[in-house]
Amino acid sequence: MVGTNVNISKKAQELLIKAAAERKVSVETLASEILNESIQNKFSKINTGAAVEKKYSPNPLANMQPYAYYADPEQPAIPQEDWNMENFDEKT
C-alpha cells in the first residue's frame, strides 16, 4: 500500500464526507475505493509493461560451442614470414 497526499477541492471534500457518512465508512476508506476504481478505469488501457520491457535482439552466439584451437601453444598462430609483411622484399 502506498500512502499519498492528495489535494481535492472543498466541494469534493464535502461530498466525500457526506457520502462516507451515508455508507457508514471512513472518509479514507471511501476515498481509497474511489481512487482505486478511478485509476483502474482511467489507466487500464495503458500498456505499462511495454515501457519496462526491453526488447533485445537474439544472441547470434547462443547454443554454439566454443572454437577449439588445436595448435601448439608454443608455436605462433601466424607464421613469422606472414607476420612481417611490411618488411617483405618484393625483389626476392
N, C-alpha and C. Protein backbone atom coordinates (compact mmCIF):
# COMPACT_ATOMS: atom_id res chain seq x y z
N MET A 1 0.85 -1.17 0.00
CA MET A 1 0.00 0.00 0.00
C MET A 1 0.89 1.23 0.00
N VAL A 2 0.51 2.21 -0.77
CA VAL A 2 1.27 3.45 -0.88
C VAL A 2 0.46 4.57 -0.25
N GLY A 3 1.07 5.32 0.64
CA GLY A 3 0.41 6.48 1.22
C GLY A 3 0.76 7.72 0.42
N THR A 4 -0.24 8.49 0.07
CA THR A 4 -0.01 9.71 -0.70
C THR A 4 -0.83 10.85 -0.13
N ASN A 5 -0.40 12.04 -0.45
CA ASN A 5 -1.18 13.23 -0.12
C ASN A 5 -1.89 13.66 -1.39
N VAL A 6 -3.20 13.79 -1.31
CA VAL A 6 -3.99 14.16 -2.47
C VAL A 6 -4.72 15.45 -2.15
N ASN A 7 -4.61 16.40 -3.05
CA ASN A 7 -5.31 17.67 -2.88
C ASN A 7 -6.61 17.63 -3.66
N ILE A 8 -7.72 17.85 -2.94
CA ILE A 8 -9.03 17.92 -3.61
C ILE A 8 -9.72 19.21 -3.18
N SER A 9 -10.65 19.61 -3.99
CA SER A 9 -11.34 20.89 -3.70
C SER A 9 -12.23 20.76 -2.47
N LYS A 10 -12.62 21.89 -1.93
CA LYS A 10 -13.51 21.92 -0.76
C LYS A 10 -14.83 21.23 -1.07
N LYS A 11 -15.36 21.49 -2.26
CA LYS A 11 -16.64 20.88 -2.64
C LYS A 11 -16.51 19.36 -2.70
N ALA A 12 -15.39 18.86 -3.26
CA ALA A 12 -15.17 17.42 -3.32
C ALA A 12 -15.01 16.85 -1.92
N GLN A 13 -14.35 17.58 -1.03
CA GLN A 13 -14.20 17.13 0.35
C GLN A 13 -15.56 16.97 1.03
N GLU A 14 -16.42 17.97 0.83
CA GLU A 14 -17.76 17.92 1.44
C GLU A 14 -18.56 16.75 0.92
N LEU A 15 -18.51 16.54 -0.40
CA LEU A 15 -19.23 15.42 -1.00
C LEU A 15 -18.69 14.09 -0.47
N LEU A 16 -17.39 13.99 -0.33
CA LEU A 16 -16.77 12.77 0.16
C LEU A 16 -17.19 12.49 1.61
N ILE A 17 -17.22 13.52 2.42
CA ILE A 17 -17.62 13.36 3.82
C ILE A 17 -19.08 12.91 3.91
N LYS A 18 -19.94 13.54 3.10
CA LYS A 18 -21.37 13.17 3.12
C LYS A 18 -21.57 11.73 2.63
N ALA A 19 -20.87 11.35 1.56
CA ALA A 19 -21.02 10.01 1.02
C ALA A 19 -20.49 8.96 2.00
N ALA A 20 -19.39 9.27 2.67
CA ALA A 20 -18.84 8.34 3.67
C ALA A 20 -19.80 8.18 4.83
N ALA A 21 -20.46 9.27 5.25
CA ALA A 21 -21.41 9.20 6.35
C ALA A 21 -22.63 8.35 5.95
N GLU A 22 -23.10 8.51 4.72
CA GLU A 22 -24.25 7.72 4.26
C GLU A 22 -23.90 6.23 4.20
N ARG A 23 -22.70 5.91 3.76
CA ARG A 23 -22.28 4.50 3.65
C ARG A 23 -21.80 3.94 4.98
N LYS A 24 -21.61 4.82 5.95
CA LYS A 24 -21.13 4.44 7.27
C LYS A 24 -19.74 3.79 7.19
N VAL A 25 -18.86 4.45 6.42
CA VAL A 25 -17.46 4.05 6.32
C VAL A 25 -16.61 5.29 6.56
N SER A 26 -15.33 5.08 6.78
CA SER A 26 -14.46 6.23 6.99
C SER A 26 -14.22 6.96 5.66
N VAL A 27 -13.87 8.22 5.77
CA VAL A 27 -13.57 9.03 4.60
C VAL A 27 -12.38 8.43 3.85
N GLU A 28 -11.39 7.97 4.60
CA GLU A 28 -10.20 7.38 3.98
C GLU A 28 -10.54 6.12 3.19
N THR A 29 -11.39 5.28 3.74
CA THR A 29 -11.79 4.05 3.06
C THR A 29 -12.53 4.37 1.76
N LEU A 30 -13.48 5.29 1.84
CA LEU A 30 -14.24 5.66 0.65
C LEU A 30 -13.34 6.32 -0.38
N ALA A 31 -12.46 7.19 0.04
CA ALA A 31 -11.55 7.85 -0.89
C ALA A 31 -10.63 6.82 -1.56
N SER A 32 -10.17 5.84 -0.80
CA SER A 32 -9.32 4.79 -1.37
C SER A 32 -10.07 3.98 -2.42
N GLU A 33 -11.33 3.63 -2.11
CA GLU A 33 -12.15 2.89 -3.08
C GLU A 33 -12.34 3.69 -4.37
N ILE A 34 -12.67 4.95 -4.21
CA ILE A 34 -12.91 5.81 -5.38
C ILE A 34 -11.64 5.96 -6.21
N LEU A 35 -10.52 6.21 -5.54
CA LEU A 35 -9.25 6.36 -6.26
C LEU A 35 -8.85 5.08 -6.97
N ASN A 36 -8.99 3.94 -6.29
CA ASN A 36 -8.63 2.66 -6.92
C ASN A 36 -9.46 2.42 -8.18
N GLU A 37 -10.76 2.62 -8.08
CA GLU A 37 -11.63 2.41 -9.25
C GLU A 37 -11.31 3.40 -10.36
N SER A 38 -11.12 4.65 -9.99
CA SER A 38 -10.85 5.69 -10.99
C SER A 38 -9.52 5.44 -11.71
N ILE A 39 -8.52 5.10 -10.95
CA ILE A 39 -7.20 4.85 -11.55
C ILE A 39 -7.26 3.65 -12.48
N GLN A 40 -7.91 2.58 -12.03
CA GLN A 40 -8.01 1.39 -12.88
C GLN A 40 -8.81 1.68 -14.15
N ASN A 41 -9.91 2.43 -14.03
CA ASN A 41 -10.71 2.76 -15.22
C ASN A 41 -9.95 3.67 -16.17
N LYS A 42 -9.26 4.64 -15.63
CA LYS A 42 -8.58 5.62 -16.45
C LYS A 42 -7.34 5.06 -17.15
N PHE A 43 -6.59 4.22 -16.44
CA PHE A 43 -5.31 3.77 -16.97
C PHE A 43 -5.25 2.30 -17.34
N SER A 44 -6.36 1.60 -17.33
CA SER A 44 -6.34 0.17 -17.64
C SER A 44 -5.97 -0.10 -19.09
N LYS A 45 -6.17 0.85 -19.98
CA LYS A 45 -5.85 0.65 -21.39
C LYS A 45 -4.39 0.92 -21.71
N ILE A 46 -3.66 1.50 -20.78
CA ILE A 46 -2.25 1.80 -20.99
C ILE A 46 -1.46 0.54 -20.73
N ASN A 47 -0.57 0.21 -21.66
CA ASN A 47 0.28 -0.97 -21.51
C ASN A 47 1.52 -0.57 -20.74
N THR A 48 1.50 -0.78 -19.42
CA THR A 48 2.64 -0.38 -18.60
C THR A 48 3.81 -1.33 -18.76
N GLY A 49 3.59 -2.54 -19.19
CA GLY A 49 4.68 -3.49 -19.39
C GLY A 49 5.58 -3.11 -20.55
N ALA A 50 5.05 -2.42 -21.54
CA ALA A 50 5.84 -2.06 -22.72
C ALA A 50 6.94 -1.07 -22.37
N ALA A 51 6.67 -0.18 -21.42
CA ALA A 51 7.68 0.80 -21.05
C ALA A 51 8.83 0.14 -20.30
N VAL A 52 8.54 -0.90 -19.55
CA VAL A 52 9.57 -1.56 -18.77
C VAL A 52 10.27 -2.65 -19.57
N GLU A 53 9.49 -3.35 -20.37
CA GLU A 53 10.04 -4.48 -21.12
C GLU A 53 10.94 -4.00 -22.24
N LYS A 54 12.17 -4.46 -22.21
CA LYS A 54 13.13 -4.09 -23.25
C LYS A 54 13.26 -5.25 -24.21
N LYS A 55 13.27 -4.94 -25.47
CA LYS A 55 13.42 -5.99 -26.47
C LYS A 55 14.85 -5.99 -26.97
N TYR A 56 15.48 -7.11 -26.81
CA TYR A 56 16.85 -7.27 -27.27
C TYR A 56 16.85 -8.20 -28.47
N SER A 57 17.80 -7.97 -29.34
CA SER A 57 17.94 -8.89 -30.47
C SER A 57 18.50 -10.20 -29.94
N PRO A 58 18.14 -11.31 -30.57
CA PRO A 58 18.63 -12.59 -30.08
C PRO A 58 20.15 -12.68 -30.21
N ASN A 59 20.75 -13.39 -29.31
CA ASN A 59 22.20 -13.55 -29.32
C ASN A 59 22.59 -14.52 -30.43
N PRO A 60 23.37 -14.08 -31.41
CA PRO A 60 23.74 -14.99 -32.50
C PRO A 60 24.68 -16.11 -32.06
N LEU A 61 25.28 -15.97 -30.89
CA LEU A 61 26.20 -16.99 -30.40
C LEU A 61 25.54 -17.98 -29.44
N ALA A 62 24.24 -17.81 -29.23
CA ALA A 62 23.54 -18.71 -28.31
C ALA A 62 23.57 -20.13 -28.86
N ASN A 63 23.67 -21.08 -27.97
CA ASN A 63 23.67 -22.51 -28.29
C ASN A 63 24.80 -22.93 -29.22
N MET A 64 25.90 -22.19 -29.22
CA MET A 64 27.04 -22.57 -30.04
C MET A 64 28.17 -23.04 -29.12
N GLN A 65 29.00 -23.92 -29.65
CA GLN A 65 30.14 -24.43 -28.89
C GLN A 65 31.34 -23.52 -29.10
N PRO A 66 32.22 -23.41 -28.12
CA PRO A 66 33.41 -22.58 -28.30
C PRO A 66 34.33 -23.17 -29.36
N TYR A 67 35.07 -22.31 -30.00
CA TYR A 67 36.00 -22.73 -31.04
C TYR A 67 37.17 -23.48 -30.40
N ALA A 68 37.49 -24.64 -30.95
CA ALA A 68 38.61 -25.43 -30.44
C ALA A 68 39.84 -25.11 -31.27
N TYR A 69 40.90 -24.69 -30.60
CA TYR A 69 42.15 -24.36 -31.27
C TYR A 69 43.16 -25.44 -30.92
N TYR A 70 43.49 -26.26 -31.90
CA TYR A 70 44.32 -27.43 -31.64
C TYR A 70 45.80 -27.22 -31.96
N ALA A 71 46.23 -26.01 -32.11
CA ALA A 71 47.63 -25.75 -32.43
C ALA A 71 48.49 -25.85 -31.17
N ASP A 72 49.77 -25.95 -31.40
CA ASP A 72 50.73 -26.00 -30.31
C ASP A 72 50.85 -24.60 -29.71
N PRO A 73 50.63 -24.42 -28.41
CA PRO A 73 50.69 -23.08 -27.82
C PRO A 73 52.08 -22.47 -27.89
N GLU A 74 53.10 -23.28 -28.08
CA GLU A 74 54.46 -22.76 -28.18
C GLU A 74 54.75 -22.18 -29.56
N GLN A 75 54.00 -22.59 -30.56
CA GLN A 75 54.21 -22.12 -31.92
C GLN A 75 53.30 -20.92 -32.20
N PRO A 76 53.78 -19.92 -32.95
CA PRO A 76 52.91 -18.78 -33.29
C PRO A 76 51.80 -19.23 -34.24
N ALA A 77 50.64 -18.63 -34.09
CA ALA A 77 49.49 -18.98 -34.94
C ALA A 77 49.70 -18.47 -36.36
N ILE A 78 50.37 -17.35 -36.51
CA ILE A 78 50.68 -16.79 -37.83
C ILE A 78 52.17 -16.98 -38.06
N PRO A 79 52.57 -17.60 -39.17
CA PRO A 79 53.99 -17.79 -39.43
C PRO A 79 54.73 -16.45 -39.46
N GLN A 80 55.97 -16.48 -39.02
CA GLN A 80 56.78 -15.26 -38.94
C GLN A 80 56.90 -14.58 -40.30
N GLU A 81 56.97 -15.34 -41.39
CA GLU A 81 57.08 -14.76 -42.72
C GLU A 81 55.84 -13.92 -43.07
N ASP A 82 54.67 -14.42 -42.70
CA ASP A 82 53.43 -13.68 -42.98
C ASP A 82 53.26 -12.49 -42.03
N TRP A 83 53.76 -12.62 -40.83
CA TRP A 83 53.61 -11.58 -39.82
C TRP A 83 54.41 -10.33 -40.21
N ASN A 84 55.56 -10.49 -40.79
CA ASN A 84 56.42 -9.37 -41.16
C ASN A 84 56.22 -8.98 -42.62
N MET A 85 55.00 -8.79 -43.03
CA MET A 85 54.72 -8.43 -44.42
C MET A 85 55.27 -7.06 -44.79
N GLU A 86 55.35 -6.17 -43.83
CA GLU A 86 55.86 -4.82 -44.14
C GLU A 86 57.36 -4.84 -44.45
N ASN A 87 58.03 -5.86 -43.97
CA ASN A 87 59.46 -5.99 -44.25
C ASN A 87 59.71 -6.88 -45.46
N PHE A 88 58.66 -7.25 -46.14
CA PHE A 88 58.77 -8.17 -47.27
C PHE A 88 59.48 -7.47 -48.43
N ASP A 89 60.46 -8.11 -48.95
CA ASP A 89 61.22 -7.57 -50.08
C ASP A 89 60.68 -8.19 -51.37
N GLU A 90 60.11 -7.38 -52.22
CA GLU A 90 59.49 -7.88 -53.44
C GLU A 90 60.53 -8.39 -54.45
N LYS A 91 61.77 -8.06 -54.29
CA LYS A 91 62.81 -8.48 -55.24
C LYS A 91 63.19 -9.93 -55.07
N THR A 92 62.95 -10.52 -53.96
CA THR A 92 63.35 -11.92 -53.74
C THR A 92 62.35 -12.89 -54.23
